[in-house]
Amino acid sequence: MYAIIRTGGKQYRVEPGDVVRFETLDGEVGSTVTLDDVLLVGEGDEIRIGAPRVENAAVEGTVVEHGRDRKIRVFKHKRRKHYRRTRGHRQSFTAVKIERVQA
């Protein structure tokens, strides 16, 4: 069974046993998180699509870790004007192990 969920402004396809990195979620390491913004649930040939969400569906997972991703460089310049700016960014994340999809 799999589900497509929405969290942090992005959509993810998850299955039980997956470890997925989401935008930062509240919760301590080892705590249970319930994600109830489920857009689609599929099992075999049977697919349930929500409008906009699937009723009585939720995804439960356990918080594995909190961390920050690798650094990316943002470089802006304008040619012939001697304008250059370099900035860096590290995105925070929460890694969640998907325990079950209930529909």
PDB file of N, CA and C in Angstrom:
ATOM      1  N   MET A   1       0.848  -1.166   0.000  1.00  0.00           N
ATOM      2  CA  MET A   1       0.000   0.000   0.000  1.00  0.00           C
ATOM      3  C   MET A   1       0.898   1.235   0.000  1.00  0.00           C
ATOM      4  N   TYR A   2       0.538   2.230  -0.789  1.00  0.00           N
ATOM      5  CA  TYR A   2       1.303   3.465  -0.822  1.00  0.00           C
ATOM      6  C   TYR A   2       0.342   4.646  -0.760  1.00  0.00           C
ATOM      7  N   ALA A   3       0.903   5.817  -0.504  1.00  0.00           N
ATOM      8  CA  ALA A   3       0.093   7.027  -0.418  1.00  0.00           C
ATOM      9  C   ALA A   3       0.905   8.195  -0.943  1.00  0.00           C
ATOM     10  N   ILE A   4       0.200   9.198  -1.433  1.00  0.00           N
ATOM     11  CA  ILE A   4       0.820  10.464  -1.791  1.00  0.00           C
ATOM     12  C   ILE A   4       0.320  11.485  -0.786  1.00  0.00           C
ATOM     13  N   ILE A   5       1.275  12.090  -0.056  1.00  0.00           N
ATOM     14  CA  ILE A   5       0.905  13.029   0.997  1.00  0.00           C
ATOM     15  C   ILE A   5       1.497  14.398   0.681  1.00  0.00           C
ATOM     16  N   ARG A   6       0.949  15.417   1.326  1.00  0.00           N
ATOM     17  CA  ARG A   6       1.443  16.778   1.156  1.00  0.00           C
ATOM     18  C   ARG A   6       1.863  17.317   2.517  1.00  0.00           C
ATOM     19  N   THR A   7       3.094  17.779   2.606  1.00  0.00           N
ATOM     20  CA  THR A   7       3.588  18.411   3.817  1.00  0.00           C
ATOM     21  C   THR A   7       4.718  19.361   3.438  1.00  0.00           C
ATOM     22  N   GLY A   8       4.763  20.500   4.087  1.00  0.00           N
ATOM     23  CA  GLY A   8       5.804  21.472   3.810  1.00  0.00           C
ATOM     24  C   GLY A   8       5.751  22.054   2.421  1.00  0.00           C
ATOM     25  N   GLY A   9       4.564  22.060   1.792  1.00  0.00           N
ATOM     26  CA  GLY A   9       4.427  22.619   0.452  1.00  0.00           C
ATOM     27  C   GLY A   9       4.886  21.697  -0.654  1.00  0.00           C
ATOM     28  N   LYS A  10       5.214  20.450  -0.324  1.00  0.00           N
ATOM     29  CA  LYS A  10       5.657  19.487  -1.327  1.00  0.00           C
ATOM     30  C   LYS A  10       4.829  18.214  -1.216  1.00  0.00           C
ATOM     31  N   GLN A  11       4.858  17.403  -2.258  1.00  0.00           N
ATOM     32  CA  GLN A  11       4.143  16.136  -2.264  1.00  0.00           C
ATOM     33  C   GLN A  11       5.152  14.994  -2.304  1.00  0.00           C
ATOM     34  N   TYR A  12       4.847  13.934  -1.557  1.00  0.00           N
ATOM     35  CA  TYR A  12       5.747  12.785  -1.443  1.00  0.00           C
ATOM     36  C   TYR A  12       4.959  11.505  -1.632  1.00  0.00           C
ATOM     37  N   ARG A  13       5.576  10.513  -2.296  1.00  0.00           N
ATOM     38  CA  ARG A  13       5.006   9.173  -2.412  1.00  0.00           C
ATOM     39  C   ARG A  13       5.692   8.323  -1.354  1.00  0.00           C
ATOM     40  N   VAL A  14       4.902   7.766  -0.437  1.00  0.00           N
ATOM     41  CA  VAL A  14       5.470   7.022   0.691  1.00  0.00           C
ATOM     42  C   VAL A  14       4.853   5.631   0.783  1.00  0.00           C
ATOM     43  N   GLU A  15       5.636   4.710   1.309  1.00  0.00           N
ATOM     44  CA  GLU A  15       5.198   3.346   1.586  1.00  0.00           C
ATOM     45  C   GLU A  15       5.711   2.970   2.966  1.00  0.00           C
ATOM     46  N   PRO A  16       5.072   2.002   3.630  1.00  0.00           N
ATOM     47  CA  PRO A  16       5.599   1.553   4.929  1.00  0.00           C
ATOM     48  C   PRO A  16       7.027   1.044   4.788  1.00  0.00           C
ATOM     49  N   GLY A  17       7.878   1.490   5.702  1.00  0.00           N
ATOM     50  CA  GLY A  17       9.281   1.096   5.678  1.00  0.00           C
ATOM     51  C   GLY A  17      10.198   2.151   5.083  1.00  0.00           C
ATOM     52  N   ASP A  18       9.656   3.130   4.361  1.00  0.00           N
ATOM     53  CA  ASP A  18      10.468   4.189   3.770  1.00  0.00           C
ATOM     54  C   ASP A  18      10.953   5.162   4.841  1.00  0.00           C
ATOM     55  N   VAL A  19      12.125   5.718   4.633  1.00  0.00           N
ATOM     56  CA  VAL A  19      12.623   6.822   5.456  1.00  0.00           C
ATOM     57  C   VAL A  19      12.673   8.044   4.540  1.00  0.00           C
ATOM     58  N   VAL A  20      11.867   9.051   4.866  1.00  0.00           N
ATOM     59  CA  VAL A  20      11.697  10.211   4.000  1.00  0.00           C
ATOM     60  C   VAL A  20      12.122  11.467   4.751  1.00  0.00           C
ATOM     61  N   ARG A  21      12.782  12.388   4.049  1.00  0.00           N
ATOM     62  CA  ARG A  21      13.165  13.673   4.632  1.00  0.00           C
ATOM     63  C   ARG A  21      12.125  14.716   4.270  1.00  0.00           C
ATOM     64  N   PHE A  22      11.449  15.244   5.291  1.00  0.00           N
ATOM     65  CA  PHE A  22      10.445  16.288   5.104  1.00  0.00           C
ATOM     66  C   PHE A  22      11.010  17.617   5.566  1.00  0.00           C
ATOM     67  N   GLU A  23      10.289  18.710   5.243  1.00  0.00           N
ATOM     68  CA  GLU A  23      10.596  19.994   5.853  1.00  0.00           C
ATOM     69  C   GLU A  23      10.445  19.804   7.362  1.00  0.00           C
ATOM     70  N   THR A  24      11.052  20.674   8.152  1.00  0.00           N
ATOM     71  CA  THR A  24      11.080  20.500   9.597  1.00  0.00           C
ATOM     72  C   THR A  24       9.687  20.314  10.190  1.00  0.00           C
ATOM     73  N   LEU A  25       9.512  19.233  10.960  1.00  0.00           N
ATOM     74  CA  LEU A  25       8.267  18.941  11.650  1.00  0.00           C
ATOM     75  C   LEU A  25       8.492  19.028  13.150  1.00  0.00           C
ATOM     76  N   ASP A  26       7.431  19.308  13.890  1.00  0.00           N
ATOM     77  CA  ASP A  26       7.534  19.316  15.346  1.00  0.00           C
ATOM     78  C   ASP A  26       7.565  17.880  15.852  1.00  0.00           C
ATOM     79  N   GLY A  27       8.286  17.644  16.906  1.00  0.00           N
ATOM     80  CA  GLY A  27       8.346  16.309  17.507  1.00  0.00           C
ATOM     81  C   GLY A  27       9.771  15.927  17.822  1.00  0.00           C
ATOM     82  N   GLU A  28       9.928  15.247  18.942  1.00  0.00           N
ATOM     83  CA  GLU A  28      11.243  14.779  19.362  1.00  0.00           C
ATOM     84  C   GLU A  28      11.607  13.500  18.610  1.00  0.00           C
ATOM     85  N   VAL A  29      12.886  13.172  18.610  1.00  0.00           N
ATOM     86  CA  VAL A  29      13.346  11.931  17.988  1.00  0.00           C
ATOM     87  C   VAL A  29      12.732  10.759  18.732  1.00  0.00           C
ATOM     88  N   GLY A  30      12.121   9.844  17.998  1.00  0.00           N
ATOM     89  CA  GLY A  30      11.464   8.686  18.595  1.00  0.00           C
ATOM     90  C   GLY A  30       9.965   8.869  18.778  1.00  0.00           C
ATOM     91  N   SER A  31       9.460  10.090  18.609  1.00  0.00           N
ATOM     92  CA  SER A  31       8.025  10.316  18.773  1.00  0.00           C
ATOM     93  C   SER A  31       7.277   9.963  17.487  1.00  0.00           C
ATOM     94  N   THR A  32       5.974   9.768  17.617  1.00  0.00           N
ATOM     95  CA  THR A  32       5.131   9.406  16.487  1.00  0.00           C
ATOM     96  C   THR A  32       4.512  10.647  15.865  1.00  0.00           C
ATOM     97  N   VAL A  33       4.503  10.680  14.530  1.00  0.00           N
ATOM     98  CA  VAL A  33       3.937  11.799  13.787  1.00  0.00           C
ATOM     99  C   VAL A  33       2.817  11.260  12.914  1.00  0.00           C
ATOM    100  N   THR A  34       1.682  11.958  12.898  1.00  0.00           N
ATOM    101  CA  THR A  34       0.568  11.577  12.035  1.00  0.00           C
ATOM    102  C   THR A  34       0.382  12.640  10.970  1.00  0.00           C
ATOM    103  N   LEU A  35       0.465  12.229   9.707  1.00  0.00           N
ATOM    104  CA  LEU A  35       0.287  13.130   8.574  1.00  0.00           C
ATOM    105  C   LEU A  35      -1.053  12.802   7.939  1.00  0.00           C
ATOM    106  N   ASP A  36      -2.002  13.733   8.028  1.00  0.00           N
ATOM    107  CA  ASP A  36      -3.355  13.428   7.560  1.00  0.00           C
ATOM    108  C   ASP A  36      -3.740  14.157   6.279  1.00  0.00           C
ATOM    109  N   ASP A  37      -2.803  14.825   5.637  1.00  0.00           N
ATOM    110  CA  ASP A  37      -3.076  15.483   4.362  1.00  0.00           C
ATOM    111  C   ASP A  37      -2.740  14.507   3.230  1.00  0.00           C
ATOM    112  N   VAL A  38      -3.569  13.463   3.101  1.00  0.00           N
ATOM    113  CA  VAL A  38      -3.344  12.381   2.143  1.00  0.00           C
ATOM    114  C   VAL A  38      -4.134  12.685   0.877  1.00  0.00           C
ATOM    115  N   LEU A  39      -3.452  12.742  -0.265  1.00  0.00           N
ATOM    116  CA  LEU A  39      -4.076  13.092  -1.534  1.00  0.00           C
ATOM    117  C   LEU A  39      -4.500  11.870  -2.339  1.00  0.00           C
ATOM    118  N   LEU A  40      -3.797  10.741  -2.160  1.00  0.00           N
ATOM    119  CA  LEU A  40      -4.086   9.537  -2.930  1.00  0.00           C
ATOM    120  C   LEU A  40      -3.622   8.327  -2.139  1.00  0.00           C
ATOM    121  N   VAL A  41      -4.394   7.247  -2.214  1.00  0.00           N
ATOM    122  CA  VAL A  41      -4.018   5.980  -1.585  1.00  0.00           C
ATOM    123  C   VAL A  41      -4.175   4.893  -2.642  1.00  0.00           C
ATOM    124  N   GLY A  42      -3.148   4.066  -2.775  1.00  0.00           N
ATOM    125  CA  GLY A  42      -3.200   2.998  -3.761  1.00  0.00           C
ATOM    126  C   GLY A  42      -2.751   1.681  -3.175  1.00  0.00           C
ATOM    127  N   GLU A  43      -3.440   0.610  -3.606  1.00  0.00           N
ATOM    128  CA  GLU A  43      -3.058  -0.739  -3.196  1.00  0.00           C
ATOM    129  C   GLU A  43      -3.383  -1.667  -4.360  1.00  0.00           C
ATOM    130  N   GLY A  44      -2.330  -2.165  -5.009  1.00  0.00           N
ATOM    131  CA  GLY A  44      -2.547  -3.009  -6.184  1.00  0.00           C
ATOM    132  C   GLY A  44      -3.169  -2.197  -7.307  1.00  0.00           C
ATOM    133  N   ASP A  45      -4.305  -2.700  -7.828  1.00  0.00           N
ATOM    134  CA  ASP A  45      -5.002  -1.995  -8.905  1.00  0.00           C
ATOM    135  C   ASP A  45      -6.023  -0.990  -8.384  1.00  0.00           C
ATOM    136  N   GLU A  46      -6.273  -1.009  -7.087  1.00  0.00           N
ATOM    137  CA  GLU A  46      -7.276  -0.119  -6.493  1.00  0.00           C
ATOM    138  C   GLU A  46      -6.626   1.203  -6.079  1.00  0.00           C
ATOM    139  N   ILE A  47      -7.165   2.309  -6.584  1.00  0.00           N
ATOM    140  CA  ILE A  47      -6.637   3.633  -6.273  1.00  0.00           C
ATOM    141  C   ILE A  47      -7.787   4.515  -5.811  1.00  0.00           C
ATOM    142  N   ARG A  48      -7.568   5.207  -4.681  1.00  0.00           N
ATOM    143  CA  ARG A  48      -8.555   6.172  -4.180  1.00  0.00           C
ATOM    144  C   ARG A  48      -7.929   7.561  -4.253  1.00  0.00           C
ATOM    145  N   ILE A  49      -8.600   8.436  -4.984  1.00  0.00           N
ATOM    146  CA  ILE A  49      -8.110   9.796  -5.163  1.00  0.00           C
ATOM    147  C   ILE A  49      -9.008  10.728  -4.372  1.00  0.00           C
ATOM    148  N   GLY A  50      -8.410  11.631  -3.630  1.00  0.00           N
ATOM    149  CA  GLY A  50      -9.172  12.572  -2.820  1.00  0.00           C
ATOM    150  C   GLY A  50      -9.559  13.801  -3.606  1.00  0.00           C
ATOM    151  N   ALA A  51     -10.545  14.519  -3.066  1.00  0.00           N
ATOM    152  CA  ALA A  51     -10.984  15.757  -3.698  1.00  0.00           C
ATOM    153  C   ALA A  51     -11.230  16.800  -2.625  1.00  0.00           C
ATOM    154  N   PRO A  52     -10.272  17.468  -2.053  1.00  0.00           N
ATOM    155  CA  PRO A  52      -8.837  17.374  -2.339  1.00  0.00           C
ATOM    156  C   PRO A  52      -8.113  16.315  -1.509  1.00  0.00           C
ATOM    157  N   ARG A  53      -8.733  15.804  -0.441  1.00  0.00           N
ATOM    158  CA  ARG A  53      -8.076  14.799   0.407  1.00  0.00           C
ATOM    159  C   ARG A  53      -8.900  13.529   0.469  1.00  0.00           C
ATOM    160  N   VAL A  54      -8.247  12.412   0.768  1.00  0.00           N
ATOM    161  CA  VAL A  54      -8.930  11.138   0.973  1.00  0.00           C
ATOM    162  C   VAL A  54      -9.491  11.138   2.393  1.00  0.00           C
ATOM    163  N   GLU A  55     -10.773  10.850   2.525  1.00  0.00           N
ATOM    164  CA  GLU A  55     -11.429  10.837   3.835  1.00  0.00           C
ATOM    165  C   GLU A  55     -10.910   9.692   4.696  1.00  0.00           C
ATOM    166  N   ASN A  56     -10.725   9.946   5.982  1.00  0.00           N
ATOM    167  CA  ASN A  56     -10.308   8.952   6.982  1.00  0.00           C
ATOM    168  C   ASN A  56      -8.996   8.260   6.635  1.00  0.00           C
ATOM    169  N   ALA A  57      -8.107   8.960   5.959  1.00  0.00           N
ATOM    170  CA  ALA A  57      -6.804   8.390   5.621  1.00  0.00           C
ATOM    171  C   ALA A  57      -5.724   9.158   6.366  1.00  0.00           C
ATOM    172  N   ALA A  58      -4.701   8.444   6.793  1.00  0.00           N
ATOM    173  CA  ALA A  58      -3.588   9.063   7.498  1.00  0.00           C
ATOM    174  C   ALA A  58      -2.341   8.209   7.320  1.00  0.00           C
ATOM    175  N   VAL A  59      -1.204   8.842   7.482  1.00  0.00           N
ATOM    176  CA  VAL A  59       0.081   8.152   7.421  1.00  0.00           C
ATOM    177  C   VAL A  59       0.761   8.371   8.768  1.00  0.00           C
ATOM    178  N   GLU A  60       1.193   7.283   9.387  1.00  0.00           N
ATOM    179  CA  GLU A  60       1.869   7.378  10.674  1.00  0.00           C
ATOM    180  C   GLU A  60       3.337   7.029  10.500  1.00  0.00           C
ATOM    181  N   GLY A  61       4.183   7.779  11.203  1.00  0.00           N
ATOM    182  CA  GLY A  61       5.615   7.542  11.114  1.00  0.00           C
ATOM    183  C   GLY A  61       6.305   7.898  12.413  1.00  0.00           C
ATOM    184  N   THR A  62       7.557   7.501  12.517  1.00  0.00           N
ATOM    185  CA  THR A  62       8.374   7.778  13.684  1.00  0.00           C
ATOM    186  C   THR A  62       9.510   8.709  13.283  1.00  0.00           C
ATOM    187  N   VAL A  63       9.744   9.738  14.079  1.00  0.00           N
ATOM    188  CA  VAL A  63      10.820  10.684  13.791  1.00  0.00           C
ATOM    189  C   VAL A  63      12.151   9.993  14.060  1.00  0.00           C
ATOM    190  N   VAL A  64      13.010   9.953  13.035  1.00  0.00           N
ATOM    191  CA  VAL A  64      14.302   9.302  13.138  1.00  0.00           C
ATOM    192  C   VAL A  64      15.378  10.306  13.532  1.00  0.00           C
ATOM    193  N   GLU A  65      15.386  11.478  12.878  1.00  0.00           N
ATOM    194  CA  GLU A  65      16.391  12.493  13.191  1.00  0.00           C
ATOM    195  C   GLU A  65      15.954  13.858  12.693  1.00  0.00           C
ATOM    196  N   HIS A  66      16.566  14.877  13.271  1.00  0.00           N
ATOM    197  CA  HIS A  66      16.463  16.245  12.784  1.00  0.00           C
ATOM    198  C   HIS A  66      17.853  16.633  12.311  1.00  0.00           C
ATOM    199  N   GLY A  67      17.927  17.405  11.250  1.00  0.00           N
ATOM    200  CA  GLY A  67      19.255  17.795  10.772  1.00  0.00           C
ATOM    201  C   GLY A  67      19.163  18.912   9.760  1.00  0.00           C
ATOM    202  N   ARG A  68      20.319  19.187   9.158  1.00  0.00           N
ATOM    203  CA  ARG A  68      20.396  20.198   8.127  1.00  0.00           C
ATOM    204  C   ARG A  68      21.073  19.579   6.921  1.00  0.00           C
ATOM    205  N   ASP A  69      20.564  19.900   5.739  1.00  0.00           N
ATOM    206  CA  ASP A  69      21.065  19.349   4.491  1.00  0.00           C
ATOM    207  C   ASP A  69      22.397  19.999   4.122  1.00  0.00           C
ATOM    208  N   ARG A  70      22.993  19.545   3.020  1.00  0.00           N
ATOM    209  CA  ARG A  70      24.261  20.118   2.587  1.00  0.00           C
ATOM    210  C   ARG A  70      24.059  21.560   2.136  1.00  0.00           C
ATOM    211  N   LYS A  71      25.131  22.312   2.130  1.00  0.00           N
ATOM    212  CA  LYS A  71      25.065  23.727   1.781  1.00  0.00           C
ATOM    213  C   LYS A  71      25.011  23.902   0.272  1.00  0.00           C
ATOM    214  N   ILE A  72      24.169  24.828  -0.176  1.00  0.00           N
ATOM    215  CA  ILE A  72      24.154  25.206  -1.584  1.00  0.00           C
ATOM    216  C   ILE A  72      24.627  26.646  -1.687  1.00  0.00           C
ATOM    217  N   ARG A  73      25.240  26.974  -2.789  1.00  0.00           N
ATOM    218  CA  ARG A  73      25.725  28.330  -3.027  1.00  0.00           C
ATOM    219  C   ARG A  73      24.763  29.047  -3.973  1.00  0.00           C
ATOM    220  N   VAL A  74      24.449  30.286  -3.617  1.00  0.00           N
ATOM    221  CA  VAL A  74      23.590  31.126  -4.447  1.00  0.00           C
ATOM    222  C   VAL A  74      24.456  32.283  -4.904  1.00  0.00           C
ATOM    223  N   PHE A  75      24.711  32.377  -6.209  1.00  0.00           N
ATOM    224  CA  PHE A  75      25.593  33.409  -6.752  1.00  0.00           C
ATOM    225  C   PHE A  75      24.809  34.266  -7.728  1.00  0.00           C
ATOM    226  N   LYS A  76      24.841  35.580  -7.494  1.00  0.00           N
ATOM    227  CA  LYS A  76      24.161  36.525  -8.382  1.00  0.00           C
ATOM    228  C   LYS A  76      25.204  37.491  -8.937  1.00  0.00           C
ATOM    229  N   HIS A  77      25.045  37.847 -10.192  1.00  0.00           N
ATOM    230  CA  HIS A  77      25.934  38.865 -10.758  1.00  0.00           C
ATOM    231  C   HIS A  77      25.235  39.571 -11.910  1.00  0.00           C
ATOM    232  N   LYS A  78      25.728  40.765 -12.204  1.00  0.00           N
ATOM    233  CA  LYS A  78      25.265  41.524 -13.362  1.00  0.00           C
ATOM    234  C   LYS A  78      26.500  41.835 -14.199  1.00  0.00           C
ATOM    235  N   ARG A  79      26.430  41.482 -15.439  1.00  0.00           N
ATOM    236  CA  ARG A  79      27.623  41.635 -16.269  1.00  0.00           C
ATOM    237  C   ARG A  79      27.986  43.111 -16.469  1.00  0.00           C
ATOM    238  N   ARG A  80      29.254  43.350 -16.497  1.00  0.00           N
ATOM    239  CA  ARG A  80      29.859  44.662 -16.743  1.00  0.00           C
ATOM    240  C   ARG A  80      29.538  45.716 -15.690  1.00  0.00           C
ATOM    241  N   LYS A  81      28.945  45.376 -14.577  1.00  0.00           N
ATOM    242  CA  LYS A  81      28.587  46.358 -13.544  1.00  0.00           C
ATOM    243  C   LYS A  81      29.328  46.129 -12.232  1.00  0.00           C
ATOM    244  N   HIS A  82      30.189  45.146 -12.186  1.00  0.00           N
ATOM    245  CA  HIS A  82      30.947  44.785 -10.994  1.00  0.00           C
ATOM    246  C   HIS A  82      30.029  44.500  -9.801  1.00  0.00           C
ATOM    247  N   TYR A  83      28.934  43.795 -10.070  1.00  0.00           N
ATOM    248  CA  TYR A  83      27.988  43.419  -9.026  1.00  0.00           C
ATOM    249  C   TYR A  83      28.057  41.913  -8.858  1.00  0.00           C
ATOM    250  N   ARG A  84      28.497  41.462  -7.689  1.00  0.00           N
ATOM    251  CA  ARG A  84      28.567  40.034  -7.394  1.00  0.00           C
ATOM    252  C   ARG A  84      28.147  39.810  -5.956  1.00  0.00           C
ATOM    253  N   ARG A  85      27.288  38.834  -5.727  1.00  0.00           N
ATOM    254  CA  ARG A  85      26.853  38.480  -4.382  1.00  0.00           C
ATOM    255  C   ARG A  85      26.840  36.957  -4.262  1.00  0.00           C
ATOM    256  N   THR A  86      27.462  36.449  -3.216  1.00  0.00           N
ATOM    257  CA  THR A  86      27.454  35.013  -2.952  1.00  0.00           C
ATOM    258  C   THR A  86      26.818  34.787  -1.596  1.00  0.00           C
ATOM    259  N   ARG A  87      25.839  33.916  -1.575  1.00  0.00           N
ATOM    260  CA  ARG A  87      25.189  33.540  -0.320  1.00  0.00           C
ATOM    261  C   ARG A  87      25.108  32.033  -0.254  1.00  0.00           C
ATOM    262  N   GLY A  88      24.964  31.507   0.944  1.00  0.00           N
ATOM    263  CA  GLY A  88      24.813  30.076   1.126  1.00  0.00           C
ATOM    264  C   GLY A  88      23.503  29.787   1.835  1.00  0.00           C
ATOM    265  N   HIS A  89      23.033  28.544   1.707  1.00  0.00           N
ATOM    266  CA  HIS A  89      21.784  28.150   2.360  1.00  0.00           C
ATOM    267  C   HIS A  89      21.869  26.686   2.744  1.00  0.00           C
ATOM    268  N   ARG A  90      21.421  26.370   3.963  1.00  0.00           N
ATOM    269  CA  ARG A  90      21.294  24.986   4.403  1.00  0.00           C
ATOM    270  C   ARG A  90      19.865  24.787   4.883  1.00  0.00           C
ATOM    271  N   GLN A  91      19.158  23.842   4.250  1.00  0.00           N
ATOM    272  CA  GLN A  91      17.764  23.587   4.586  1.00  0.00           C
ATOM    273  C   GLN A  91      17.666  22.608   5.752  1.00  0.00           C
ATOM    274  N   SER A  92      16.822  22.922   6.715  1.00  0.00           N
ATOM    275  CA  SER A  92      16.580  22.009   7.824  1.00  0.00           C
ATOM    276  C   SER A  92      15.602  20.925   7.397  1.00  0.00           C
ATOM    277  N   PHE A  93      15.742  19.733   7.966  1.00  0.00           N
ATOM    278  CA  PHE A  93      14.850  18.634   7.614  1.00  0.00           C
ATOM    279  C   PHE A  93      14.556  17.781   8.834  1.00  0.00           C
ATOM    280  N   THR A  94      13.510  16.970   8.701  1.00  0.00           N
ATOM    281  CA  THR A  94      13.163  15.957   9.683  1.00  0.00           C
ATOM    282  C   THR A  94      13.037  14.635   8.932  1.00  0.00           C
ATOM    283  N   ALA A  95      13.807  13.640   9.323  1.00  0.00           N
ATOM    284  CA  ALA A  95      13.725  12.319   8.700  1.00  0.00           C
ATOM    285  C   ALA A  95      12.681  11.499   9.460  1.00  0.00           C
ATOM    286  N   VAL A  96      11.726  10.928   8.711  1.00  0.00           N
ATOM    287  CA  VAL A  96      10.623  10.167   9.303  1.00  0.00           C
ATOM    288  C   VAL A  96      10.585   8.778   8.673  1.00  0.00           C
ATOM    289  N   LYS A  97      10.516   7.753   9.520  1.00  0.00           N
ATOM    290  CA  LYS A  97      10.330   6.371   9.026  1.00  0.00           C
ATOM    291  C   LYS A  97       8.844   6.086   9.007  1.00  0.00           C
ATOM    292  N   ILE A  98       8.318   5.763   7.833  1.00  0.00           N
ATOM    293  CA  ILE A  98       6.885   5.528   7.651  1.00  0.00           C
ATOM    294  C   ILE A  98       6.547   4.155   8.236  1.00  0.00           C
ATOM    295  N   GLU A  99       5.650   4.144   9.207  1.00  0.00           N
ATOM    296  CA  GLU A  99       5.254   2.897   9.863  1.00  0.00           C
ATOM    297  C   GLU A  99       4.048   2.256   9.188  1.00  0.00           C
ATOM    298  N   ARG A 100       3.007   3.055   8.934  1.00  0.00           N
ATOM    299  CA  ARG A 100       1.829   2.468   8.287  1.00  0.00           C
ATOM    300  C   ARG A 100       1.008   3.519   7.566  1.00  0.00           C
ATOM    301  N   VAL A 101       0.269   3.046   6.564  1.00  0.00           N
ATOM    302  CA  VAL A 101      -0.668   3.878   5.819  1.00  0.00           C
ATOM    303  C   VAL A 101      -2.050   3.323   6.097  1.00  0.00           C
ATOM    304  N   GLN A 102      -2.899   4.124   6.702  1.00  0.00           N
ATOM    305  CA  GLN A 102      -4.253   3.651   6.991  1.00  0.00           C
ATOM    306  C   GLN A 102      -5.243   4.417   6.127  1.00  0.00           C
ATOM    307  N   ALA A 103      -6.160   3.665   5.537  1.00  0.00           N
ATOM    308  CA  ALA A 103      -7.129   4.282   4.638  1.00  0.00           C
ATOM    309  C   ALA A 103      -8.529   3.783   4.953  1.00  0.00           C
TER     310      ALA A 103
END
